[in-house]
Amino acid sequence: MVELEDERKENELVLESITKLEDSRKCWRLINGVLVEKTKLEVVPEMRGVINNLNAVVKQITETLTAVREEIKNLEGAYNYIMKQAKTTAQAQQAPDAKGAAKGGVLV
């Protein structure tokens, strides 16, 4: 997620720096390992689209992460309760066995 936010910031910086240029200025963009020549007029809308997509992805990941954390919290609470019950039941079952063994005689 940090990488996506960094990429979004980089794109915003590039967009900010090229908006000051004239519209016919040539821009070079690396797309899948290929350097493509475009004009500023072609690049600016594409950059805005990329930034919007990155914002949407970061938002979706954040929402998913929040939901997963909430689910983990609920599961921890439920299983912690079950584990406490199992532990007390196991202790209750072991307690009579220990008392019975102490009262018994020694076999030779």
PDB file of N, CA and C in Angstrom:
ATOM      1  N   MET A   1       0.831  -1.180   0.000  1.00  0.00           N
ATOM      2  CA  MET A   1       0.000   0.000   0.000  1.00  0.00           C
ATOM      3  C   MET A   1       0.881   1.252   0.000  1.00  0.00           C
ATOM      4  N   VAL A   2       1.983   1.184   0.719  1.00  0.00           N
ATOM      5  CA  VAL A   2       2.905   2.316   0.756  1.00  0.00           C
ATOM      6  C   VAL A   2       3.482   2.573  -0.632  1.00  0.00           C
ATOM      7  N   GLU A   3       3.758   1.495  -1.355  1.00  0.00           N
ATOM      8  CA  GLU A   3       4.298   1.643  -2.708  1.00  0.00           C
ATOM      9  C   GLU A   3       3.295   2.340  -3.624  1.00  0.00           C
ATOM     10  N   LEU A   4       2.022   1.999  -3.481  1.00  0.00           N
ATOM     11  CA  LEU A   4       0.989   2.643  -4.299  1.00  0.00           C
ATOM     12  C   LEU A   4       0.873   4.126  -3.968  1.00  0.00           C
ATOM     13  N   GLU A   5       0.943   4.454  -2.685  1.00  0.00           N
ATOM     14  CA  GLU A   5       0.874   5.862  -2.293  1.00  0.00           C
ATOM     15  C   GLU A   5       2.086   6.628  -2.809  1.00  0.00           C
ATOM     16  N   ASP A   6       3.262   5.993  -2.762  1.00  0.00           N
ATOM     17  CA  ASP A   6       4.464   6.637  -3.296  1.00  0.00           C
ATOM     18  C   ASP A   6       4.352   6.854  -4.803  1.00  0.00           C
ATOM     19  N   GLU A   7       3.824   5.866  -5.496  1.00  0.00           N
ATOM     20  CA  GLU A   7       3.648   5.999  -6.949  1.00  0.00           C
ATOM     21  C   GLU A   7       2.658   7.120  -7.274  1.00  0.00           C
ATOM     22  N   ARG A   8       1.599   7.215  -6.486  1.00  0.00           N
ATOM     23  CA  ARG A   8       0.615   8.288  -6.684  1.00  0.00           C
ATOM     24  C   ARG A   8       1.271   9.653  -6.470  1.00  0.00           C
ATOM     25  N   LYS A   9       2.084   9.770  -5.428  1.00  0.00           N
ATOM     26  CA  LYS A   9       2.772  11.038  -5.155  1.00  0.00           C
ATOM     27  C   LYS A   9       3.729  11.402  -6.289  1.00  0.00           C
ATOM     28  N   GLU A  10       4.435  10.398  -6.815  1.00  0.00           N
ATOM     29  CA  GLU A  10       5.333  10.647  -7.944  1.00  0.00           C
ATOM     30  C   GLU A  10       4.558  11.160  -9.149  1.00  0.00           C
ATOM     31  N   ASN A  11       3.437  10.526  -9.446  1.00  0.00           N
ATOM     32  CA  ASN A  11       2.612  10.963 -10.577  1.00  0.00           C
ATOM     33  C   ASN A  11       2.076  12.371 -10.356  1.00  0.00           C
ATOM     34  N   GLU A  12       1.702  12.695  -9.133  1.00  0.00           N
ATOM     35  CA  GLU A  12       1.220  14.047  -8.839  1.00  0.00           C
ATOM     36  C   GLU A  12       2.328  15.076  -9.034  1.00  0.00           C
ATOM     37  N   LEU A  13       3.552  14.735  -8.615  1.00  0.00           N
ATOM     38  CA  LEU A  13       4.682  15.649  -8.813  1.00  0.00           C
ATOM     39  C   LEU A  13       4.959  15.871 -10.297  1.00  0.00           C
ATOM     40  N   VAL A  14       4.932  14.802 -11.077  1.00  0.00           N
ATOM     41  CA  VAL A  14       5.161  14.927 -12.520  1.00  0.00           C
ATOM     42  C   VAL A  14       4.065  15.770 -13.147  1.00  0.00           C
ATOM     43  N   LEU A  15       2.823  15.507 -12.782  1.00  0.00           N
ATOM     44  CA  LEU A  15       1.696  16.265 -13.330  1.00  0.00           C
ATOM     45  C   LEU A  15       1.824  17.745 -12.977  1.00  0.00           C
ATOM     46  N   GLU A  16       2.211  18.011 -11.745  1.00  0.00           N
ATOM     47  CA  GLU A  16       2.379  19.403 -11.310  1.00  0.00           C
ATOM     48  C   GLU A  16       3.485  20.098 -12.106  1.00  0.00           C
ATOM     49  N   SER A  17       4.564  19.383 -12.376  1.00  0.00           N
ATOM     50  CA  SER A  17       5.681  20.010 -13.086  1.00  0.00           C
ATOM     51  C   SER A  17       5.389  20.203 -14.578  1.00  0.00           C
ATOM     52  N   ILE A  18       4.619  19.307 -15.197  1.00  0.00           N
ATOM     53  CA  ILE A  18       4.374  19.473 -16.636  1.00  0.00           C
ATOM     54  C   ILE A  18       3.194  20.391 -16.932  1.00  0.00           C
ATOM     55  N   THR A  19       2.373  20.714 -15.965  1.00  0.00           N
ATOM     56  CA  THR A  19       1.250  21.619 -16.234  1.00  0.00           C
ATOM     57  C   THR A  19       1.736  23.026 -16.558  1.00  0.00           C
ATOM     58  N   LYS A  20       2.941  23.349 -16.148  1.00  0.00           N
ATOM     59  CA  LYS A  20       3.497  24.682 -16.402  1.00  0.00           C
ATOM     60  C   LYS A  20       4.056  24.813 -17.822  1.00  0.00           C
ATOM     61  N   LEU A  21       4.191  23.699 -18.522  1.00  0.00           N
ATOM     62  CA  LEU A  21       4.768  23.709 -19.866  1.00  0.00           C
ATOM     63  C   LEU A  21       3.710  24.053 -20.907  1.00  0.00           C
ATOM     64  N   GLU A  22       4.182  24.424 -22.111  1.00  0.00           N
ATOM     65  CA  GLU A  22       3.222  24.698 -23.191  1.00  0.00           C
ATOM     66  C   GLU A  22       2.623  23.377 -23.684  1.00  0.00           C
ATOM     67  N   ASP A  23       1.450  23.474 -24.287  1.00  0.00           N
ATOM     68  CA  ASP A  23       0.681  22.287 -24.660  1.00  0.00           C
ATOM     69  C   ASP A  23       1.340  21.437 -25.744  1.00  0.00           C
ATOM     70  N   SER A  24       2.138  22.041 -26.593  1.00  0.00           N
ATOM     71  CA  SER A  24       2.756  21.285 -27.688  1.00  0.00           C
ATOM     72  C   SER A  24       4.075  20.635 -27.270  1.00  0.00           C
ATOM     73  N   ARG A  25       4.471  20.807 -26.050  1.00  0.00           N
ATOM     74  CA  ARG A  25       5.748  20.268 -25.560  1.00  0.00           C
ATOM     75  C   ARG A  25       5.738  18.742 -25.610  1.00  0.00           C
ATOM     76  N   LYS A  26       6.862  18.168 -26.043  1.00  0.00           N
ATOM     77  CA  LYS A  26       6.967  16.714 -26.134  1.00  0.00           C
ATOM     78  C   LYS A  26       7.224  16.126 -24.749  1.00  0.00           C
ATOM     79  N   CYS A  27       6.569  15.016 -24.485  1.00  0.00           N
ATOM     80  CA  CYS A  27       6.770  14.271 -23.241  1.00  0.00           C
ATOM     81  C   CYS A  27       7.120  12.834 -23.609  1.00  0.00           C
ATOM     82  N   TRP A  28       7.977  12.247 -22.824  1.00  0.00           N
ATOM     83  CA  TRP A  28       8.352  10.854 -23.035  1.00  0.00           C
ATOM     84  C   TRP A  28       7.834  10.064 -21.846  1.00  0.00           C
ATOM     85  N   ARG A  29       7.169   8.958 -22.166  1.00  0.00           N
ATOM     86  CA  ARG A  29       6.582   8.155 -21.101  1.00  0.00           C
ATOM     87  C   ARG A  29       6.984   6.700 -21.312  1.00  0.00           C
ATOM     88  N   LEU A  30       7.386   6.053 -20.225  1.00  0.00           N
ATOM     89  CA  LEU A  30       7.787   4.653 -20.285  1.00  0.00           C
ATOM     90  C   LEU A  30       6.561   3.778 -20.021  1.00  0.00           C
ATOM     91  N   ILE A  31       6.155   3.017 -21.035  1.00  0.00           N
ATOM     92  CA  ILE A  31       4.981   2.150 -20.929  1.00  0.00           C
ATOM     93  C   ILE A  31       5.424   0.725 -21.224  1.00  0.00           C
ATOM     94  N   ASN A  32       5.371  -0.127 -20.209  1.00  0.00           N
ATOM     95  CA  ASN A  32       5.772  -1.535 -20.348  1.00  0.00           C
ATOM     96  C   ASN A  32       7.148  -1.688 -20.983  1.00  0.00           C
ATOM     97  N   GLY A  33       8.085  -0.882 -20.556  1.00  0.00           N
ATOM     98  CA  GLY A  33       9.448  -0.978 -21.052  1.00  0.00           C
ATOM     99  C   GLY A  33       9.692  -0.303 -22.386  1.00  0.00           C
ATOM    100  N   VAL A  34       8.692   0.359 -22.944  1.00  0.00           N
ATOM    101  CA  VAL A  34       8.831   1.045 -24.234  1.00  0.00           C
ATOM    102  C   VAL A  34       8.670   2.540 -23.997  1.00  0.00           C
ATOM    103  N   LEU A  35       9.619   3.320 -24.500  1.00  0.00           N
ATOM    104  CA  LEU A  35       9.556   4.767 -24.365  1.00  0.00           C
ATOM    105  C   LEU A  35       8.685   5.330 -25.480  1.00  0.00           C
ATOM    106  N   VAL A  36       7.617   6.030 -25.100  1.00  0.00           N
ATOM    107  CA  VAL A  36       6.635   6.531 -26.059  1.00  0.00           C
ATOM    108  C   VAL A  36       6.654   8.053 -26.038  1.00  0.00           C
ATOM    109  N   GLU A  37       6.664   8.646 -27.234  1.00  0.00           N
ATOM    110  CA  GLU A  37       6.648  10.106 -27.347  1.00  0.00           C
ATOM    111  C   GLU A  37       5.206  10.582 -27.480  1.00  0.00           C
ATOM    112  N   LYS A  38       4.844  11.541 -26.630  1.00  0.00           N
ATOM    113  CA  LYS A  38       3.505  12.131 -26.670  1.00  0.00           C
ATOM    114  C   LYS A  38       3.645  13.620 -26.407  1.00  0.00           C
ATOM    115  N   THR A  39       2.544  14.338 -26.571  1.00  0.00           N
ATOM    116  CA  THR A  39       2.545  15.759 -26.228  1.00  0.00           C
ATOM    117  C   THR A  39       1.956  15.921 -24.832  1.00  0.00           C
ATOM    118  N   LYS A  40       2.135  17.115 -24.308  1.00  0.00           N
ATOM    119  CA  LYS A  40       1.609  17.399 -22.974  1.00  0.00           C
ATOM    120  C   LYS A  40       0.094  17.232 -22.949  1.00  0.00           C
ATOM    121  N   LEU A  41      -0.577  17.640 -24.008  1.00  0.00           N
ATOM    122  CA  LEU A  41      -2.038  17.518 -24.067  1.00  0.00           C
ATOM    123  C   LEU A  41      -2.500  16.063 -23.971  1.00  0.00           C
ATOM    124  N   GLU A  42      -1.716  15.136 -24.482  1.00  0.00           N
ATOM    125  CA  GLU A  42      -2.072  13.720 -24.412  1.00  0.00           C
ATOM    126  C   GLU A  42      -1.744  13.115 -23.051  1.00  0.00           C
ATOM    127  N   VAL A  43      -0.671  13.586 -22.457  1.00  0.00           N
ATOM    128  CA  VAL A  43      -0.176  12.980 -21.217  1.00  0.00           C
ATOM    129  C   VAL A  43      -0.980  13.414 -19.992  1.00  0.00           C
ATOM    130  N   VAL A  44      -1.373  14.678 -19.928  1.00  0.00           N
ATOM    131  CA  VAL A  44      -2.045  15.194 -18.725  1.00  0.00           C
ATOM    132  C   VAL A  44      -3.323  14.416 -18.395  1.00  0.00           C
ATOM    133  N   PRO A  45      -4.231  14.171 -19.336  1.00  0.00           N
ATOM    134  CA  PRO A  45      -5.429  13.389 -18.984  1.00  0.00           C
ATOM    135  C   PRO A  45      -5.098  11.952 -18.550  1.00  0.00           C
ATOM    136  N   GLU A  46      -4.094  11.363 -19.204  1.00  0.00           N
ATOM    137  CA  GLU A  46      -3.684  10.013 -18.821  1.00  0.00           C
ATOM    138  C   GLU A  46      -3.148   9.993 -17.396  1.00  0.00           C
ATOM    139  N   MET A  47      -2.339  11.000 -17.059  1.00  0.00           N
ATOM    140  CA  MET A  47      -1.776  11.078 -15.706  1.00  0.00           C
ATOM    141  C   MET A  47      -2.880  11.265 -14.667  1.00  0.00           C
ATOM    142  N   ARG A  48      -3.855  12.098 -14.982  1.00  0.00           N
ATOM    143  CA  ARG A  48      -4.979  12.291 -14.051  1.00  0.00           C
ATOM    144  C   ARG A  48      -5.749  10.983 -13.858  1.00  0.00           C
ATOM    145  N   GLY A  49      -5.924  10.251 -14.934  1.00  0.00           N
ATOM    146  CA  GLY A  49      -6.598   8.953 -14.843  1.00  0.00           C
ATOM    147  C   GLY A  49      -5.823   7.967 -13.983  1.00  0.00           C
ATOM    148  N   VAL A  50      -4.507   7.946 -14.158  1.00  0.00           N
ATOM    149  CA  VAL A  50      -3.662   7.056 -13.360  1.00  0.00           C
ATOM    150  C   VAL A  50      -3.750   7.435 -11.884  1.00  0.00           C
ATOM    151  N   ILE A  51      -3.699   8.731 -11.599  1.00  0.00           N
ATOM    152  CA  ILE A  51      -3.780   9.194 -10.211  1.00  0.00           C
ATOM    153  C   ILE A  51      -5.133   8.818  -9.607  1.00  0.00           C
ATOM    154  N   ASN A  52      -6.210   9.006 -10.357  1.00  0.00           N
ATOM    155  CA  ASN A  52      -7.542   8.631  -9.861  1.00  0.00           C
ATOM    156  C   ASN A  52      -7.633   7.128  -9.605  1.00  0.00           C
ATOM    157  N   ASN A  53      -7.068   6.330 -10.509  1.00  0.00           N
ATOM    158  CA  ASN A  53      -7.074   4.878 -10.316  1.00  0.00           C
ATOM    159  C   ASN A  53      -6.281   4.476  -9.079  1.00  0.00           C
ATOM    160  N   LEU A  54      -5.127   5.097  -8.884  1.00  0.00           N
ATOM    161  CA  LEU A  54      -4.321   4.787  -7.706  1.00  0.00           C
ATOM    162  C   LEU A  54      -5.052   5.180  -6.424  1.00  0.00           C
ATOM    163  N   ASN A  55      -5.731   6.335  -6.442  1.00  0.00           N
ATOM    164  CA  ASN A  55      -6.515   6.738  -5.273  1.00  0.00           C
ATOM    165  C   ASN A  55      -7.607   5.719  -4.968  1.00  0.00           C
ATOM    166  N   ALA A  56      -8.274   5.228  -6.010  1.00  0.00           N
ATOM    167  CA  ALA A  56      -9.345   4.243  -5.821  1.00  0.00           C
ATOM    168  C   ALA A  56      -8.792   2.931  -5.262  1.00  0.00           C
ATOM    169  N   VAL A  57      -7.648   2.507  -5.770  1.00  0.00           N
ATOM    170  CA  VAL A  57      -7.045   1.260  -5.298  1.00  0.00           C
ATOM    171  C   VAL A  57      -6.619   1.391  -3.840  1.00  0.00           C
ATOM    172  N   VAL A  58      -5.994   2.507  -3.489  1.00  0.00           N
ATOM    173  CA  VAL A  58      -5.571   2.724  -2.102  1.00  0.00           C
ATOM    174  C   VAL A  58      -6.789   2.746  -1.181  1.00  0.00           C
ATOM    175  N   LYS A  59      -7.854   3.395  -1.612  1.00  0.00           N
ATOM    176  CA  LYS A  59      -9.078   3.446  -0.802  1.00  0.00           C
ATOM    177  C   LYS A  59      -9.655   2.046  -0.614  1.00  0.00           C
ATOM    178  N   GLN A  60      -9.704   1.267  -1.682  1.00  0.00           N
ATOM    179  CA  GLN A  60     -10.249  -0.089  -1.609  1.00  0.00           C
ATOM    180  C   GLN A  60      -9.397  -0.973  -0.693  1.00  0.00           C
ATOM    181  N   ILE A  61      -8.090  -0.866  -0.812  1.00  0.00           N
ATOM    182  CA  ILE A  61      -7.201  -1.662   0.035  1.00  0.00           C
ATOM    183  C   ILE A  61      -7.366  -1.261   1.494  1.00  0.00           C
ATOM    184  N   THR A  62      -7.487   0.033   1.762  1.00  0.00           N
ATOM    185  CA  THR A  62      -7.673   0.503   3.131  1.00  0.00           C
ATOM    186  C   THR A  62      -8.979  -0.028   3.717  1.00  0.00           C
ATOM    187  N   GLU A  63     -10.055   0.012   2.937  1.00  0.00           N
ATOM    188  CA  GLU A  63     -11.345  -0.502   3.413  1.00  0.00           C
ATOM    189  C   GLU A  63     -11.274  -2.006   3.672  1.00  0.00           C
ATOM    190  N   THR A  64     -10.629  -2.738   2.781  1.00  0.00           N
ATOM    191  CA  THR A  64     -10.487  -4.180   2.954  1.00  0.00           C
ATOM    192  C   THR A  64      -9.649  -4.492   4.182  1.00  0.00           C
ATOM    193  N   LEU A  65      -8.575  -3.747   4.369  1.00  0.00           N
ATOM    194  CA  LEU A  65      -7.709  -3.948   5.524  1.00  0.00           C
ATOM    195  C   LEU A  65      -8.461  -3.688   6.821  1.00  0.00           C
ATOM    196  N   THR A  66      -9.265  -2.643   6.843  1.00  0.00           N
ATOM    197  CA  THR A  66     -10.063  -2.334   8.030  1.00  0.00           C
ATOM    198  C   THR A  66     -11.053  -3.455   8.323  1.00  0.00           C
ATOM    199  N   ALA A  67     -11.702  -3.973   7.287  1.00  0.00           N
ATOM    200  CA  ALA A  67     -12.668  -5.062   7.470  1.00  0.00           C
ATOM    201  C   ALA A  67     -11.985  -6.330   7.976  1.00  0.00           C
ATOM    202  N   VAL A  68     -10.818  -6.641   7.437  1.00  0.00           N
ATOM    203  CA  VAL A  68     -10.094  -7.836   7.863  1.00  0.00           C
ATOM    204  C   VAL A  68      -9.628  -7.686   9.309  1.00  0.00           C
ATOM    205  N   ARG A  69      -9.155  -6.513   9.669  1.00  0.00           N
ATOM    206  CA  ARG A  69      -8.739  -6.288  11.062  1.00  0.00           C
ATOM    207  C   ARG A  69      -9.911  -6.456  12.018  1.00  0.00           C
ATOM    208  N   GLU A  70     -11.075  -5.959  11.637  1.00  0.00           N
ATOM    209  CA  GLU A  70     -12.276  -6.101  12.467  1.00  0.00           C
ATOM    210  C   GLU A  70     -12.661  -7.572  12.598  1.00  0.00           C
ATOM    211  N   GLU A  71     -12.578  -8.312  11.497  1.00  0.00           N
ATOM    212  CA  GLU A  71     -12.900  -9.738  11.532  1.00  0.00           C
ATOM    213  C   GLU A  71     -11.923 -10.497  12.423  1.00  0.00           C
ATOM    214  N   ILE A  72     -10.649 -10.155  12.329  1.00  0.00           N
ATOM    215  CA  ILE A  72      -9.639 -10.788  13.180  1.00  0.00           C
ATOM    216  C   ILE A  72      -9.932 -10.497  14.642  1.00  0.00           C
ATOM    217  N   LYS A  73     -10.285  -9.270  14.934  1.00  0.00           N
ATOM    218  CA  LYS A  73     -10.607  -8.885  16.313  1.00  0.00           C
ATOM    219  C   LYS A  73     -11.795  -9.695  16.830  1.00  0.00           C
ATOM    220  N   ASN A  74     -12.837  -9.840  16.018  1.00  0.00           N
ATOM    221  CA  ASN A  74     -14.010 -10.620  16.416  1.00  0.00           C
ATOM    222  C   ASN A  74     -13.660 -12.094  16.621  1.00  0.00           C
ATOM    223  N   LEU A  75     -12.866 -12.654  15.721  1.00  0.00           N
ATOM    224  CA  LEU A  75     -12.472 -14.056  15.846  1.00  0.00           C
ATOM    225  C   LEU A  75     -11.600 -14.284  17.076  1.00  0.00           C
ATOM    226  N   GLU A  76     -10.688 -13.352  17.341  1.00  0.00           N
ATOM    227  CA  GLU A  76      -9.859 -13.480  18.536  1.00  0.00           C
ATOM    228  C   GLU A  76     -10.720 -13.476  19.790  1.00  0.00           C
ATOM    229  N   GLY A  77     -11.713 -12.599  19.816  1.00  0.00           N
ATOM    230  CA  GLY A  77     -12.615 -12.551  20.968  1.00  0.00           C
ATOM    231  C   GLY A  77     -13.397 -13.842  21.122  1.00  0.00           C
ATOM    232  N   ALA A  78     -13.919 -14.380  20.038  1.00  0.00           N
ATOM    233  CA  ALA A  78     -14.708 -15.613  20.094  1.00  0.00           C
ATOM    234  C   ALA A  78     -13.844 -16.808  20.489  1.00  0.00           C
ATOM    235  N   TYR A  79     -12.683 -16.954  19.860  1.00  0.00           N
ATOM    236  CA  TYR A  79     -11.843 -18.105  20.157  1.00  0.00           C
ATOM    237  C   TYR A  79     -11.173 -17.986  21.511  1.00  0.00           C
ATOM    238  N   ASN A  80     -10.915 -16.780  21.961  1.00  0.00           N
ATOM    239  CA  ASN A  80     -10.362 -16.601  23.295  1.00  0.00           C
ATOM    240  C   ASN A  80     -11.379 -17.083  24.322  1.00  0.00           C
ATOM    241  N   TYR A  81     -12.654 -16.777  24.110  1.00  0.00           N
ATOM    242  CA  TYR A  81     -13.724 -17.219  25.005  1.00  0.00           C
ATOM    243  C   TYR A  81     -13.829 -18.741  24.988  1.00  0.00           C
ATOM    244  N   ILE A  82     -13.776 -19.345  23.811  1.00  0.00           N
ATOM    245  CA  ILE A  82     -13.857 -20.802  23.688  1.00  0.00           C
ATOM    246  C   ILE A  82     -12.656 -21.459  24.356  1.00  0.00           C
ATOM    247  N   MET A  83     -11.479 -20.888  24.171  1.00  0.00           N
ATOM    248  CA  MET A  83     -10.268 -21.455  24.768  1.00  0.00           C
ATOM    249  C   MET A  83     -10.320 -21.375  26.291  1.00  0.00           C
ATOM    250  N   LYS A  84     -10.865 -20.281  26.829  1.00  0.00           N
ATOM    251  CA  LYS A  84     -11.001 -20.166  28.282  1.00  0.00           C
ATOM    252  C   LYS A  84     -11.951 -21.232  28.812  1.00  0.00           C
ATOM    253  N   GLN A  85     -13.062 -21.463  28.104  1.00  0.00           N
ATOM    254  CA  GLN A  85     -14.014 -22.493  28.525  1.00  0.00           C
ATOM    255  C   GLN A  85     -13.368 -23.874  28.478  1.00  0.00           C
ATOM    256  N   ALA A  86     -12.636 -24.164  27.441  1.00  0.00           N
ATOM    257  CA  ALA A  86     -11.981 -25.464  27.307  1.00  0.00           C
ATOM    258  C   ALA A  86     -10.940 -25.655  28.403  1.00  0.00           C
ATOM    259  N   LYS A  87     -10.241 -24.610  28.739  1.00  0.00           N
ATOM    260  CA  LYS A  87      -9.212 -24.688  29.773  1.00  0.00           C
ATOM    261  C   LYS A  87      -9.841 -24.958  31.136  1.00  0.00           C
ATOM    262  N   THR A  88     -10.917 -24.250  31.466  1.00  0.00           N
ATOM    263  CA  THR A  88     -11.573 -24.470  32.758  1.00  0.00           C
ATOM    264  C   THR A  88     -12.200 -25.859  32.811  1.00  0.00           C
ATOM    265  N   THR A  89     -12.737 -26.350  31.707  1.00  0.00           N
ATOM    266  CA  THR A  89     -13.306 -27.702  31.658  1.00  0.00           C
ATOM    267  C   THR A  89     -12.212 -28.744  31.855  1.00  0.00           C
ATOM    268  N   ALA A  90     -11.085 -28.557  31.220  1.00  0.00           N
ATOM    269  CA  ALA A  90      -9.968 -29.488  31.359  1.00  0.00           C
ATOM    270  C   ALA A  90      -9.444 -29.486  32.791  1.00  0.00           C
ATOM    271  N   GLN A  91      -9.363 -28.319  33.401  1.00  0.00           N
ATOM    272  CA  GLN A  91      -8.909 -28.234  34.787  1.00  0.00           C
ATOM    273  C   GLN A  91      -9.905 -28.904  35.721  1.00  0.00           C
ATOM    274  N   ALA A  92     -11.193 -28.741  35.459  1.00  0.00           N
ATOM    275  CA  ALA A  92     -12.220 -29.358  36.296  1.00  0.00           C
ATOM    276  C   ALA A  92     -12.171 -30.878  36.168  1.00  0.00           C
ATOM    277  N   GLN A  93     -11.861 -31.393  34.986  1.00  0.00           N
ATOM    278  CA  GLN A  93     -11.777 -32.837  34.794  1.00  0.00           C
ATOM    279  C   GLN A  93     -10.520 -33.412  35.429  1.00  0.00           C
ATOM    280  N   GLN A  94      -9.448 -32.656  35.451  1.00  0.00           N
ATOM    281  CA  GLN A  94      -8.197 -33.139  36.019  1.00  0.00           C
ATOM    282  C   GLN A  94      -8.214 -33.080  37.537  1.00  0.00           C
ATOM    283  N   ALA A  95      -8.939 -32.152  38.108  1.00  0.00           N
ATOM    284  CA  ALA A  95      -8.957 -31.991  39.559  1.00  0.00           C
ATOM    285  C   ALA A  95      -9.486 -33.237  40.271  1.00  0.00           C
ATOM    286  N   PRO A  96     -10.602 -33.859  39.899  1.00  0.00           N
ATOM    287  CA  PRO A  96     -11.059 -35.067  40.604  1.00  0.00           C
ATOM    288  C   PRO A  96     -10.092 -36.239  40.432  1.00  0.00           C
ATOM    289  N   ASP A  97      -9.457 -36.359  39.288  1.00  0.00           N
ATOM    290  CA  ASP A  97      -8.506 -37.446  39.072  1.00  0.00           C
ATOM    291  C   ASP A  97      -7.322 -37.320  40.012  1.00  0.00           C
ATOM    292  N   ALA A  98      -6.866 -36.114  40.228  1.00  0.00           N
ATOM    293  CA  ALA A  98      -5.721 -35.895  41.109  1.00  0.00           C
ATOM    294  C   ALA A  98      -6.089 -36.231  42.547  1.00  0.00           C
ATOM    295  N   LYS A  99      -7.290 -35.885  42.992  1.00  0.00           N
ATOM    296  CA  LYS A  99      -7.721 -36.169  44.361  1.00  0.00           C
ATOM    297  C   LYS A  99      -7.894 -37.670  44.557  1.00  0.00           C
ATOM    298  N   GLY A 100      -8.451 -38.351  43.585  1.00  0.00           N
ATOM    299  CA  GLY A 100      -8.658 -39.795  43.680  1.00  0.00           C
ATOM    300  C   GLY A 100      -7.338 -40.544  43.735  1.00  0.00           C
ATOM    301  N   ALA A 101      -6.354 -40.111  43.028  1.00  0.00           N
ATOM    302  CA  ALA A 101      -5.048 -40.762  43.022  1.00  0.00           C
ATOM    303  C   ALA A 101      -4.352 -40.563  44.353  1.00  0.00           C
ATOM    304  N   ALA A 102      -4.566 -39.430  44.991  1.00  0.00           N
ATOM    305  CA  ALA A 102      -3.923 -39.164  46.274  1.00  0.00           C
ATOM    306  C   ALA A 102      -4.515 -40.045  47.368  1.00  0.00           C
ATOM    307  N   LYS A 103      -5.787 -40.405  47.308  1.00  0.00           N
ATOM    308  CA  LYS A 103      -6.443 -41.220  48.319  1.00  0.00           C
ATOM    309  C   LYS A 103      -6.156 -42.706  48.115  1.00  0.00           C
ATOM    310  N   GLY A 104      -5.768 -43.084  46.949  1.00  0.00           N
ATOM    311  CA  GLY A 104      -5.560 -44.499  46.642  1.00  0.00           C
ATOM    312  C   GLY A 104      -4.318 -45.050  47.315  1.00  0.00           C
ATOM    313  N   GLY A 105      -4.243 -46.378  47.410  1.00  0.00           N
ATOM    314  CA  GLY A 105      -3.092 -47.023  48.021  1.00  0.00           C
ATOM    315  C   GLY A 105      -1.996 -47.269  47.009  1.00  0.00           C
ATOM    316  N   VAL A 106      -0.881 -47.789  47.514  1.00  0.00           N
ATOM    317  CA  VAL A 106       0.260 -48.089  46.675  1.00  0.00           C
ATOM    318  C   VAL A 106       0.197 -49.556  46.297  1.00  0.00           C
ATOM    319  N   LEU A 107       0.315 -49.854  45.038  1.00  0.00           N
ATOM    320  CA  LEU A 107       0.332 -51.230  44.576  1.00  0.00           C
ATOM    321  C   LEU A 107       1.759 -51.698  44.435  1.00  0.00           C
ATOM    322  N   VAL A 108       2.020 -52.925  44.918  1.00  0.00           N
ATOM    323  CA  VAL A 108       3.363 -53.470  44.831  1.00  0.00           C
ATOM    324  C   VAL A 108       3.376 -54.690  43.968  1.00  0.00           C
TER     325      VAL A 108
END
